[in-house]
Protein backbone atom coordinates (compact mmCIF):
# COMPACT_ATOMS: atom_id res chain seq x y z
CA UNK A 1 -42.48 -6.23 -61.54
CA UNK A 2 -43.86 -9.70 -62.48
CA UNK A 3 -40.88 -11.34 -60.82
CA UNK A 4 -41.41 -9.29 -57.64
CA UNK A 5 -45.04 -10.47 -57.35
CA UNK A 6 -44.00 -14.08 -57.63
CA UNK A 7 -41.44 -13.71 -54.88
CA UNK A 8 -44.07 -12.18 -52.59
CA UNK A 9 -46.69 -14.85 -53.21
CA UNK A 10 -44.34 -17.79 -52.96
CA UNK A 11 -41.90 -16.56 -50.39
CA UNK A 12 -41.11 -19.69 -48.35
CA UNK A 13 -40.63 -17.49 -45.30
CA UNK A 14 -44.42 -17.65 -44.93
CA UNK A 15 -44.05 -21.42 -44.56
CA UNK A 16 -42.76 -22.87 -41.31
CA UNK A 17 -40.08 -25.45 -41.91
CA UNK A 18 -40.63 -28.65 -39.91
CA UNK A 19 -37.84 -30.99 -40.97
CA UNK A 20 -35.76 -32.20 -43.89
CA UNK A 21 -36.97 -35.72 -44.58
CA UNK A 22 -34.44 -36.49 -47.34
CA UNK A 23 -31.08 -34.70 -47.33
CA UNK A 24 -28.21 -35.54 -49.72
CA UNK A 25 -25.66 -32.71 -49.63
CA UNK A 26 -28.72 -30.45 -49.81
CA UNK A 27 -32.42 -30.78 -48.90
CA UNK A 28 -34.25 -33.06 -51.34
CA UNK A 29 -37.59 -33.38 -49.55
CA UNK A 30 -38.68 -30.96 -46.82
CA UNK A 31 -41.83 -30.79 -44.72
CA UNK A 32 -43.40 -27.32 -44.25
CA UNK A 33 -46.56 -26.07 -42.53
CA UNK A 34 -48.61 -23.01 -43.49
CA UNK A 35 -52.00 -22.09 -42.02
CA UNK A 36 -52.17 -25.48 -40.27
CA UNK A 37 -51.74 -27.26 -43.61
CA UNK A 38 -48.84 -29.59 -44.42
CA UNK A 39 -46.72 -29.22 -47.55
CA UNK A 40 -43.86 -31.09 -49.18
CA UNK A 41 -41.16 -29.17 -51.04
CA UNK A 42 -39.52 -31.69 -53.36
CA UNK A 43 -36.35 -30.97 -55.40
CA UNK A 44 -37.06 -32.46 -58.83
CA UNK A 45 -34.30 -31.00 -61.04
CA UNK A 46 -31.10 -28.93 -60.97
CA UNK A 47 -30.31 -26.63 -63.89
CA UNK A 48 -27.17 -24.65 -64.63
CA UNK A 49 -28.27 -21.59 -62.62
CA UNK A 50 -31.32 -22.74 -60.70
CA UNK A 51 -33.22 -25.56 -59.04
CA UNK A 52 -36.74 -26.80 -59.80
CA UNK A 53 -38.97 -27.65 -56.83
CA UNK A 54 -42.41 -29.21 -56.60
CA UNK A 55 -44.52 -27.70 -53.79
CA UNK A 56 -47.77 -29.47 -52.87
CA UNK A 57 -50.15 -29.91 -49.97
CA UNK A 58 -50.24 -33.35 -48.36
CA UNK A 59 -52.45 -34.78 -45.62
CA UNK A 60 -50.74 -35.74 -42.36
CA UNK A 61 -51.92 -39.35 -42.57
CA UNK A 62 -50.10 -39.70 -45.93
CA UNK A 63 -46.96 -38.22 -44.40
CA UNK A 64 -47.13 -40.81 -41.62
CA UNK A 65 -47.62 -43.63 -44.12
CA UNK A 66 -44.63 -42.40 -46.08
CA UNK A 67 -42.22 -41.99 -43.17
CA UNK A 68 -43.26 -45.38 -41.74
CA UNK A 69 -42.56 -47.13 -45.04
CA UNK A 70 -46.21 -47.93 -45.82
CA UNK A 71 -46.44 -45.79 -48.95
CA UNK A 72 -44.15 -44.52 -51.73
CA UNK A 73 -43.50 -40.87 -52.48
CA UNK A 74 -44.58 -41.49 -56.08
CA UNK A 75 -48.01 -42.82 -55.03
CA UNK A 76 -48.50 -39.82 -52.72
CA UNK A 77 -47.86 -37.45 -55.66
CA UNK A 78 -49.85 -39.39 -58.27
CA UNK A 79 -52.92 -39.79 -56.04
CA UNK A 80 -52.87 -36.25 -54.71
CA UNK A 81 -55.97 -34.26 -55.82
CA UNK A 82 -54.45 -30.88 -54.88
CA UNK A 83 -52.76 -28.42 -57.21
CA UNK A 84 -48.98 -28.57 -57.57
CA UNK A 85 -46.69 -25.55 -57.85
CA UNK A 86 -43.50 -25.83 -59.88
CA UNK A 87 -41.02 -23.31 -58.52
CA UNK A 88 -37.75 -22.36 -60.22
CA UNK A 89 -35.38 -20.78 -57.73
CA UNK A 90 -31.90 -19.44 -58.45
CA UNK A 91 -28.96 -20.21 -56.19
CA UNK A 92 -29.34 -16.91 -54.36
CA UNK A 93 -32.85 -17.92 -53.24
CA UNK A 94 -34.76 -15.73 -55.69
CA UNK A 95 -37.86 -17.25 -57.35
CA UNK A 96 -37.56 -16.76 -61.10
CA UNK A 97 -40.56 -18.74 -62.34
CA UNK A 98 -43.77 -20.31 -61.01
CA UNK A 99 -46.17 -22.70 -62.76
CA UNK A 100 -49.32 -24.37 -61.49
CA UNK A 101 -50.09 -27.91 -62.58
CA UNK A 102 -51.85 -31.12 -61.60
CA UNK A 103 -50.55 -34.60 -60.79
CA UNK A 104 -51.34 -36.09 -64.21
CA UNK A 105 -49.53 -33.23 -65.98
CA UNK A 106 -46.24 -33.43 -64.11
CA UNK A 107 -43.24 -34.31 -66.27
CA UNK A 108 -42.32 -38.00 -65.81
CA UNK A 109 -38.72 -36.94 -65.20
CA UNK A 110 -39.89 -35.04 -62.13
CA UNK A 111 -41.55 -38.05 -60.51
CA UNK A 112 -39.74 -40.37 -58.06
CA UNK A 113 -39.23 -44.03 -58.86
CA UNK A 114 -41.84 -46.77 -58.36
CA UNK A 115 -40.03 -48.12 -55.29
CA UNK A 116 -39.64 -44.71 -53.64
CA UNK A 117 -40.15 -46.07 -50.14
CA UNK A 118 -38.45 -44.30 -47.28
CA UNK A 119 -36.29 -46.11 -44.75
CA UNK A 120 -36.62 -43.53 -42.01
CA UNK A 121 -35.28 -43.84 -38.47
CA UNK A 122 -35.80 -40.50 -36.71
CA UNK A 123 -33.83 -39.49 -33.64
CA UNK A 124 -35.62 -38.79 -30.37
CA UNK A 125 -35.37 -35.05 -31.07
CA UNK A 126 -37.11 -35.44 -34.43
CA UNK A 127 -40.55 -33.93 -35.02
CA UNK A 128 -41.72 -37.35 -36.18
CA UNK A 129 -40.36 -39.48 -33.33
CA UNK A 130 -43.45 -39.37 -31.08
CA UNK A 131 -45.78 -39.34 -34.10
CA UNK A 132 -44.28 -42.57 -35.41
CA UNK A 133 -44.35 -44.25 -31.98
CA UNK A 134 -48.00 -43.32 -31.51
CA UNK A 135 -48.85 -44.49 -35.02
CA UNK A 136 -47.14 -47.82 -34.44
CA UNK A 137 -48.98 -48.29 -31.15
CA UNK A 138 -52.33 -47.57 -32.77
CA UNK A 139 -51.53 -49.66 -35.84
CA UNK A 140 -50.54 -52.65 -33.76
CA UNK A 141 -53.54 -52.21 -31.48
CA UNK A 142 -55.75 -52.28 -34.57
CA UNK A 143 -53.90 -55.37 -35.79
CA UNK A 144 -54.62 -57.09 -32.45
CA UNK A 145 -58.27 -56.01 -32.55
CA UNK A 146 -58.67 -57.43 -36.04
CA UNK A 147 -57.78 -60.90 -34.74
CA UNK A 148 -59.30 -60.66 -31.26
CA UNK A 149 -62.22 -62.59 -29.78
CA UNK A 150 -64.74 -61.15 -27.34
CA UNK A 151 -66.37 -62.29 -24.12
CA UNK A 152 -69.33 -60.67 -22.41
CA UNK A 153 -70.72 -60.83 -18.89
CA UNK A 154 -74.33 -59.67 -18.81
CA UNK A 155 -76.57 -59.70 -15.72
CA UNK A 156 -79.65 -61.93 -15.98
CA UNK A 157 -81.39 -59.63 -13.49
CA UNK A 158 -82.12 -56.19 -14.99
CA UNK A 159 -82.29 -54.53 -11.56
CA UNK A 160 -79.13 -52.50 -12.26
CA UNK A 161 -79.89 -51.80 -15.92
CA UNK A 162 -77.40 -54.20 -17.50
CA UNK A 163 -74.47 -53.07 -15.36
CA UNK A 164 -72.04 -55.39 -13.56
CA UNK A 165 -70.85 -54.71 -10.02
CA UNK A 166 -67.12 -54.09 -9.67
CA UNK A 167 -66.61 -56.62 -6.86
CA UNK A 168 -68.49 -59.30 -8.77
CA UNK A 169 -66.57 -58.53 -11.95
CA UNK A 170 -63.12 -58.59 -10.32
CA UNK A 171 -63.51 -61.20 -7.59
CA UNK A 172 -65.82 -63.69 -9.29
CA UNK A 173 -65.90 -63.35 -13.06
CA UNK A 174 -62.50 -62.15 -14.27
CA UNK A 175 -60.60 -63.92 -11.48
CA UNK A 176 -62.16 -67.28 -12.35
CA UNK A 177 -61.57 -66.76 -16.07
CA UNK A 178 -57.96 -65.77 -15.41
CA UNK A 179 -57.42 -68.74 -13.11
CA UNK A 180 -58.85 -71.17 -15.65
CA UNK A 181 -56.58 -69.79 -18.37
CA UNK A 182 -53.46 -69.83 -16.19
CA UNK A 183 -54.14 -73.40 -15.12
CA UNK A 184 -54.67 -74.40 -18.75
CA UNK A 185 -51.35 -72.81 -19.71
CA UNK A 186 -49.53 -74.71 -16.98
CA UNK A 187 -51.19 -78.04 -17.77
CA UNK A 188 -50.59 -77.74 -21.51
CA UNK A 189 -47.01 -76.57 -21.03
CA UNK A 190 -46.14 -79.51 -18.79
CA UNK A 191 -47.72 -81.96 -21.24
CA UNK A 192 -45.84 -80.41 -24.16
CA UNK A 193 -42.37 -80.09 -22.63
CA UNK A 194 -42.12 -82.65 -19.81
CA UNK A 195 -39.95 -84.88 -21.99
CA UNK A 196 -37.77 -82.00 -23.19
CA UNK A 197 -37.07 -80.77 -19.64
CA UNK A 198 -37.11 -83.75 -17.31
CA UNK A 199 -36.11 -81.81 -14.18
CA UNK A 200 -39.48 -80.79 -12.66
CA UNK A 201 -38.03 -77.78 -10.85
CA UNK A 202 -36.39 -76.49 -14.03
CA UNK A 203 -39.59 -77.16 -15.98
CA UNK A 204 -41.66 -75.11 -13.53
CA UNK A 205 -39.08 -72.32 -13.46
CA UNK A 206 -39.11 -72.17 -17.26
CA UNK A 207 -42.88 -71.90 -17.30
CA UNK A 208 -42.90 -69.14 -14.66
CA UNK A 209 -40.32 -67.23 -16.70
CA UNK A 210 -42.40 -67.16 -19.90
CA UNK A 211 -45.82 -66.89 -18.19
CA UNK A 212 -46.10 -63.07 -18.56
CA UNK A 213 -45.58 -63.45 -22.32
CA UNK A 214 -48.43 -65.96 -22.61
CA UNK A 215 -51.20 -63.71 -21.35
CA UNK A 216 -54.01 -62.45 -23.56
CA UNK A 217 -53.90 -58.71 -24.23
CA UNK A 218 -57.00 -56.63 -23.56
CA UNK A 219 -57.50 -54.67 -26.80
CA UNK A 220 -61.10 -53.49 -26.55
CA UNK A 221 -63.57 -52.74 -23.78
CA UNK A 222 -67.25 -51.89 -23.40
CA UNK A 223 -69.10 -51.21 -20.17
CA UNK A 224 -72.68 -51.87 -19.15
CA UNK A 225 -72.89 -55.52 -20.02
CA UNK A 226 -69.17 -55.93 -19.59
CA UNK A 227 -67.50 -56.80 -22.91
CA UNK A 228 -63.80 -57.32 -23.39
CA UNK A 229 -61.77 -58.04 -26.52
CA UNK A 230 -58.83 -60.41 -26.01
CA UNK A 231 -56.03 -61.07 -28.44
CA UNK A 232 -52.77 -62.98 -28.70
CA UNK A 233 -49.76 -60.69 -28.97
CA UNK A 234 -47.45 -62.58 -31.32
CA UNK A 235 -44.79 -59.83 -31.13
CA UNK A 236 -44.53 -60.30 -27.37
CA UNK A 237 -43.62 -63.94 -27.97
CA UNK A 238 -40.37 -62.87 -29.68
CA UNK A 239 -38.76 -62.62 -26.25
CA UNK A 240 -39.06 -66.42 -25.91
CA UNK A 241 -35.70 -67.72 -27.10
CA UNK A 242 -36.57 -71.42 -27.48
CA UNK A 243 -38.10 -71.78 -30.96
CA UNK A 244 -40.32 -74.75 -30.04
CA UNK A 245 -41.70 -72.90 -27.01
CA UNK A 246 -42.28 -69.80 -29.12
CA UNK A 247 -44.41 -71.77 -31.60
CA UNK A 248 -46.33 -73.32 -28.70
CA UNK A 249 -46.80 -69.91 -27.04
CA UNK A 250 -48.29 -68.39 -30.20
CA UNK A 251 -50.80 -71.24 -30.59
CA UNK A 252 -51.77 -71.94 -26.97
CA UNK A 253 -54.13 -68.96 -26.63
CA UNK A 254 -56.20 -70.12 -29.61
CA UNK A 255 -56.14 -73.64 -28.20
CA UNK A 256 -57.64 -72.45 -24.92
CA UNK A 257 -60.32 -70.45 -26.75
CA UNK A 258 -61.28 -73.37 -29.00
CA UNK A 259 -60.92 -76.29 -26.55
CA UNK A 260 -62.21 -74.68 -23.37
CA UNK A 261 -64.17 -71.48 -23.95
CA UNK A 262 -65.83 -71.80 -27.34
CA UNK A 263 -66.88 -75.43 -27.06
CA UNK A 264 -70.24 -77.19 -27.15
CA UNK A 265 -70.46 -79.51 -24.18
CA UNK A 266 -71.97 -82.38 -26.17
CA UNK A 267 -71.05 -86.02 -25.69
CA UNK A 268 -68.25 -85.92 -28.25
CA UNK A 269 -66.53 -82.89 -26.73
CA UNK A 270 -67.00 -84.11 -23.16
CA UNK A 271 -65.33 -87.41 -24.08
CA UNK A 272 -62.52 -85.52 -25.80
CA UNK A 273 -61.94 -83.40 -22.70
CA UNK A 274 -61.94 -86.47 -20.44
CA UNK A 275 -59.53 -88.32 -22.73
CA UNK A 276 -57.16 -85.39 -23.17
CA UNK A 277 -56.83 -84.29 -19.54
CA UNK A 278 -56.32 -86.08 -16.26
CA UNK A 279 -59.01 -85.57 -13.62
CA UNK A 280 -56.88 -83.22 -11.50
CA UNK A 281 -55.99 -81.14 -14.55
CA UNK A 282 -59.65 -80.94 -15.59
CA UNK A 283 -60.54 -79.63 -12.14
CA UNK A 284 -57.91 -76.91 -12.36
CA UNK A 285 -59.01 -75.81 -15.83
CA UNK A 286 -62.79 -76.23 -15.76
CA UNK A 287 -63.83 -75.68 -12.13
CA UNK A 288 -63.18 -71.90 -12.26
CA UNK A 289 -65.02 -71.75 -15.60
CA UNK A 290 -68.00 -73.70 -14.28
CA UNK A 291 -68.14 -71.26 -11.35
CA UNK A 292 -69.03 -68.59 -13.94
CA UNK A 293 -71.29 -70.75 -16.11
CA UNK A 294 -73.34 -71.95 -13.13
CA UNK A 295 -73.80 -68.43 -11.77
CA UNK A 296 -77.53 -67.83 -12.34
CA UNK A 297 -77.03 -64.06 -12.01
CA UNK A 298 -74.74 -63.86 -15.06
CA UNK A 299 -75.01 -64.69 -18.74
CA UNK A 300 -71.55 -65.65 -20.03
CA UNK A 301 -71.13 -65.16 -23.80
CA UNK A 302 -68.40 -65.36 -26.44
CA UNK A 303 -67.95 -64.30 -30.08
CA UNK A 304 -65.14 -65.06 -32.51
CA UNK A 305 -64.57 -61.50 -33.74
CA UNK A 306 -65.89 -57.97 -33.34
CA UNK A 307 -68.31 -58.45 -36.26
CA UNK A 308 -69.59 -61.87 -35.16
CA UNK A 309 -72.64 -62.61 -33.04
CA UNK A 310 -72.41 -63.62 -29.39
CA UNK A 311 -73.03 -67.21 -28.36
CA UNK A 312 -74.01 -68.03 -24.79
CA UNK A 313 -71.66 -70.37 -22.94
CA UNK A 314 -73.97 -72.71 -21.06
CA UNK A 315 -74.40 -76.31 -19.94
CA UNK A 316 -77.98 -77.56 -20.06
CA UNK A 317 -77.19 -81.04 -18.79
CA UNK A 318 -75.71 -80.62 -15.30
CA UNK A 319 -74.38 -84.19 -15.32
CA UNK A 320 -71.78 -82.94 -17.82
CA UNK A 321 -70.08 -80.97 -15.03
CA UNK A 322 -70.00 -84.06 -12.82
CA UNK A 323 -68.39 -86.04 -15.66
CA UNK A 324 -65.67 -83.45 -16.31
CA UNK A 325 -64.97 -82.51 -12.66
CA UNK A 326 -66.31 -85.36 -10.50
CA UNK A 327 -66.76 -84.56 -6.84
CA UNK A 328 -64.06 -85.91 -4.57
CA UNK A 329 -65.06 -88.26 -1.75
CA UNK A 330 -62.61 -88.35 1.13
CA UNK A 331 -62.45 -89.83 4.57
CA UNK A 332 -62.11 -87.19 7.26
CA UNK A 333 -58.66 -87.34 8.78
CA UNK A 334 -58.39 -87.45 12.58
CA UNK A 335 -55.61 -85.46 14.23
CA UNK A 336 -53.83 -85.94 17.53
CA UNK A 337 -54.64 -83.53 20.34
CA UNK A 338 -51.48 -81.55 19.66
CA UNK A 339 -52.74 -80.73 16.15
CA UNK A 340 -55.66 -78.56 15.13
CA UNK A 341 -58.83 -80.36 14.14
CA UNK A 342 -61.78 -79.79 11.80
CA UNK A 343 -64.68 -78.41 13.85
CA UNK A 344 -67.81 -76.28 13.45
CA UNK A 345 -67.63 -72.53 13.96
CA UNK A 346 -70.43 -70.39 15.31
CA UNK A 347 -70.11 -67.57 17.77
CA UNK A 348 -72.74 -67.07 20.47
CA UNK A 349 -72.89 -63.52 21.82
CA UNK A 350 -75.22 -62.23 24.55
CA UNK A 351 -76.74 -58.76 24.70
CA UNK A 352 -73.64 -57.43 26.47
CA UNK A 353 -71.54 -58.48 23.46
CA UNK A 354 -69.55 -60.96 25.51
CA UNK A 355 -68.44 -64.09 23.74
CA UNK A 356 -69.99 -67.14 25.43
CA UNK A 357 -68.78 -69.94 23.16
CA UNK A 358 -67.21 -70.62 19.77
CA UNK A 359 -68.41 -73.59 17.73
CA UNK A 360 -66.35 -74.07 14.56
CA UNK A 361 -67.95 -75.17 11.28
CA UNK A 362 -66.08 -77.13 8.56
CA UNK A 363 -62.75 -75.41 8.92
CA UNK A 364 -59.24 -75.70 10.29
CA UNK A 365 -59.78 -73.93 13.57
CA UNK A 366 -59.77 -74.46 17.33
CA UNK A 367 -62.09 -73.25 20.04
CA UNK A 368 -60.14 -70.18 21.08
CA UNK A 369 -60.35 -66.56 19.95
CA UNK A 370 -56.98 -66.72 18.16
CA UNK A 371 -55.14 -69.74 16.79
CA UNK A 372 -52.46 -70.64 14.27
CA UNK A 373 -53.14 -73.21 11.56
CA UNK A 374 -51.27 -74.20 8.40
CA UNK A 375 -52.25 -74.07 4.75
CA UNK A 376 -50.50 -76.88 2.87
CA UNK A 377 -50.55 -78.33 -0.64
CA UNK A 378 -53.75 -80.17 0.27
CA UNK A 379 -55.69 -76.95 0.89
CA UNK A 380 -54.46 -75.48 -2.41
CA UNK A 381 -55.43 -78.70 -4.23
CA UNK A 382 -58.89 -78.73 -2.62
CA UNK A 383 -59.62 -75.38 -4.24
CA UNK A 384 -58.20 -76.35 -7.64
CA UNK A 385 -54.80 -74.70 -7.23
CA UNK A 386 -51.69 -76.73 -8.04
CA UNK A 387 -48.46 -75.98 -6.18
CA UNK A 388 -45.54 -78.03 -7.46
CA UNK A 389 -43.26 -77.52 -4.47
CA UNK A 390 -44.09 -78.60 -0.94
CA UNK A 391 -45.63 -75.72 0.94
CA UNK A 392 -46.79 -75.03 4.49
CA UNK A 393 -47.91 -71.54 5.47
CA UNK A 394 -48.80 -70.53 9.01
CA UNK A 395 -52.08 -68.62 9.21
CA UNK A 396 -53.26 -66.59 12.19
CA UNK A 397 -57.02 -66.73 12.73
CA UNK A 398 -58.79 -64.53 15.23
CA UNK A 399 -62.29 -63.26 15.90
CA UNK A 400 -63.46 -59.71 16.42
CA UNK A 401 -67.14 -59.75 17.38
CA UNK A 402 -68.89 -61.15 14.29
CA UNK A 403 -65.80 -60.80 12.07
CA UNK A 404 -63.29 -63.60 11.56
CA UNK A 405 -59.86 -62.42 10.43
CA UNK A 406 -57.26 -64.60 8.68
CA UNK A 407 -53.74 -63.29 8.10
CA UNK A 408 -50.35 -64.63 7.11
CA UNK A 409 -46.97 -63.63 5.72
CA UNK A 410 -45.54 -65.51 2.73
CA UNK A 411 -42.16 -64.55 1.25
CA UNK A 412 -42.26 -61.26 3.20
CA UNK A 413 -45.65 -60.36 1.67
CA UNK A 414 -48.73 -59.87 3.83
CA UNK A 415 -51.99 -61.61 2.95
CA UNK A 416 -55.31 -61.36 4.76
CA UNK A 417 -58.96 -62.30 4.41
CA UNK A 418 -61.99 -61.22 6.41
CA UNK A 419 -65.02 -63.48 6.87
CA UNK A 420 -68.48 -62.13 7.68
CA UNK A 421 -70.43 -65.24 6.69
CA UNK A 422 -69.25 -67.26 9.68
CA UNK A 423 -67.71 -69.88 7.36
CA UNK A 424 -63.98 -70.08 7.84
CA UNK A 425 -63.75 -72.12 4.64
CA UNK A 426 -64.60 -68.92 2.73
CA UNK A 427 -61.59 -67.20 4.29
CA UNK A 428 -59.26 -70.15 3.67
CA UNK A 429 -60.35 -70.23 0.02
CA UNK A 430 -59.87 -66.47 -0.38
CA UNK A 431 -56.43 -66.62 1.24
CA UNK A 432 -55.22 -69.57 -0.86
CA UNK A 433 -56.48 -67.82 -4.00
CA UNK A 434 -54.51 -64.65 -3.18
CA UNK A 435 -51.34 -66.60 -2.39
CA UNK A 436 -51.70 -68.69 -5.53
CA UNK A 437 -52.13 -65.56 -7.68
CA UNK A 438 -48.99 -64.15 -6.08
CA UNK A 439 -47.00 -67.33 -6.78
CA UNK A 440 -48.13 -67.38 -10.43
CA UNK A 441 -47.28 -63.76 -11.07
CA UNK A 442 -44.01 -63.33 -9.22
């Protein structure tokens, strides 16, 4: 009768088998679930007519640590506060004895070894396959967060209760930050490897190939005052085959943060910047950043880690900007009649909405309602964008009432920009920015 009760209470048919984790001719360690609780059934001894098993409840997070090699089976048993059930089962499956014990009372011979780590590689059909993948994603994300730095864009005007407009965030703030970082990557790469790869075309092609692997990863995000955590993904850099470039790629993100973002613009640092970078390179790196810093509507802040305090990125002495990115003085070039010329643009419209005259302002345009002009390396350079290869892109410009429309096709991709301010230069800048982003990311 006693034996019958034991079989009823500890009938493993009431447990749902999940998977054999260790199997050597027979199951050694098996995962079961009962009433939404997880259990391990561990074979600890084999006698002449029966086997001895250890049955115990285990939390899912400990199972994950065990199957991902982060914890030993022995430590899971020894640190388990739950009761353990020693089950003796004969070879016909009948339970012949049951004992209840605790971790500190288990026979030493029943415990696994100190180095009882599991080298587990589940198949795609395994119960643990997706669990392990999700755990690894979360674990690596946490690893990136632990070594991330944070930037914050906060409005100086509280009209919209600390919130940032989407267009301002995307088109002004993040785009300028991204452009500054990409330009820094290119400048630093060329300085580092121009003597290793003397062919300029090959050097540029090599940079474009590894560019996607150089980007910061966004690992945290808060809205309102827009905060974003950025981190360097060292694992991503493993795809870079050249060992010297891999070392550079791992360090260059920190270099940008320390030398460009998180820097005090005092005399010593300004002189260091001027000495380390040519004027054209400084314009490419710092002009987009100064566009954010000088924006009176935004407070631009940075902190070194999630638990640090924010520090405002600002320049009190405006002559510092002039020292780092001096304004260019140029003589206006005169074109022959067959070429377009720089003119002023204004459109005069009477009450009947008929166009009377077009007067073009500071732009590459002619006094007709639709013309074709060309964006060349000079236009890209004027806006701080560096194009290594010679480039000339035909742009169609037309007017539609008060709207000025610029459009072009580059490498079978359409680009356009609409101008409502009346300043064609705004459209040229927008168009060159879009094309430059395309060239960098292709």
